[in-house]
């Protein structure tokens, strides 16, 4: 996880060319396979981070 680029929600929205509101709505939903968006936290209770490749794969499923 640490070797890959981690994005916060704002950066993820920019990378996907969508609004911040769209990102937060999307992250609350499940995909067709019933899975939530993959998220990483460096420590419990800390800010959430996302890997762009994982999120794109999740969106396609």
Protein backbone atom coordinates (compact mmCIF):
# COMPACT_ATOMS: atom_id res chain seq x y z
CA UNK A 1 0.00 0.00 0.00
CA UNK A 2 2.71 2.52 0.88
CA UNK A 3 4.56 2.07 -2.43
CA UNK A 4 1.54 3.21 -4.44
CA UNK A 5 0.16 6.71 -4.77
CA UNK A 6 -2.65 7.36 -2.32
CA UNK A 7 -5.29 9.98 -3.13
CA UNK A 8 -7.68 11.74 -0.79
CA UNK A 9 -11.32 12.18 -1.84
CA UNK A 10 -10.71 15.60 -3.44
CA UNK A 11 -7.79 14.29 -5.51
CA UNK A 12 -9.84 11.22 -6.48
CA UNK A 13 -12.64 13.49 -7.72
CA UNK A 14 -10.17 15.45 -9.84
CA UNK A 15 -8.62 12.27 -11.26
CA UNK A 16 -12.06 10.92 -12.25
CA UNK A 17 -13.26 14.34 -13.51
CA UNK A 18 -16.32 14.42 -11.26
CA UNK A 19 -17.46 16.69 -8.43
CA UNK A 20 -16.66 16.09 -4.77
CA UNK A 21 -20.37 15.51 -4.12
CA UNK A 22 -20.46 12.77 -6.75
CA UNK A 23 -17.48 11.06 -5.13
CA UNK A 24 -19.08 11.01 -1.69
CA UNK A 25 -22.39 9.71 -3.06
CA UNK A 26 -20.56 7.05 -5.04
CA UNK A 27 -18.50 5.94 -2.04
CA UNK A 28 -21.64 5.29 0.02
CA UNK A 29 -23.04 2.94 -2.63
CA UNK A 30 -22.16 -0.64 -3.46
CA UNK A 31 -21.25 -1.85 -6.93
CA UNK A 32 -23.06 -4.60 -8.85
CA UNK A 33 -21.19 -7.27 -6.88
CA UNK A 34 -22.28 -5.76 -3.56
CA UNK A 35 -18.84 -4.40 -2.71
CA UNK A 36 -18.05 -0.97 -1.35
CA UNK A 37 -15.27 1.16 -2.75
CA UNK A 38 -11.80 0.02 -1.62
CA UNK A 39 -10.43 2.41 0.97
CA UNK A 40 -7.18 2.60 2.94
CA UNK A 41 -6.47 4.22 6.28
CA UNK A 42 -2.98 4.69 7.66
CA UNK A 43 -4.34 4.25 11.21
CA UNK A 44 -7.82 3.59 12.63
CA UNK A 45 -9.87 6.77 12.77
CA UNK A 46 -7.56 8.63 10.40
CA UNK A 47 -8.32 10.15 7.02
CA UNK A 48 -9.30 7.76 4.23
CA UNK A 49 -7.20 7.36 1.12
CA UNK A 50 -7.89 5.71 -2.23
CA UNK A 51 -5.82 4.13 -4.99
CA UNK A 52 -7.01 5.28 -8.39
CA UNK A 53 -6.52 1.89 -10.08
CA UNK A 54 -8.53 0.10 -7.39
CA UNK A 55 -11.37 2.60 -7.60
CA UNK A 56 -11.50 2.38 -11.40
CA UNK A 57 -11.66 -1.42 -11.21
CA UNK A 58 -14.40 -1.19 -8.57
CA UNK A 59 -16.41 1.17 -10.81
CA UNK A 60 -16.16 -1.20 -13.77
CA UNK A 61 -17.53 -4.13 -11.77
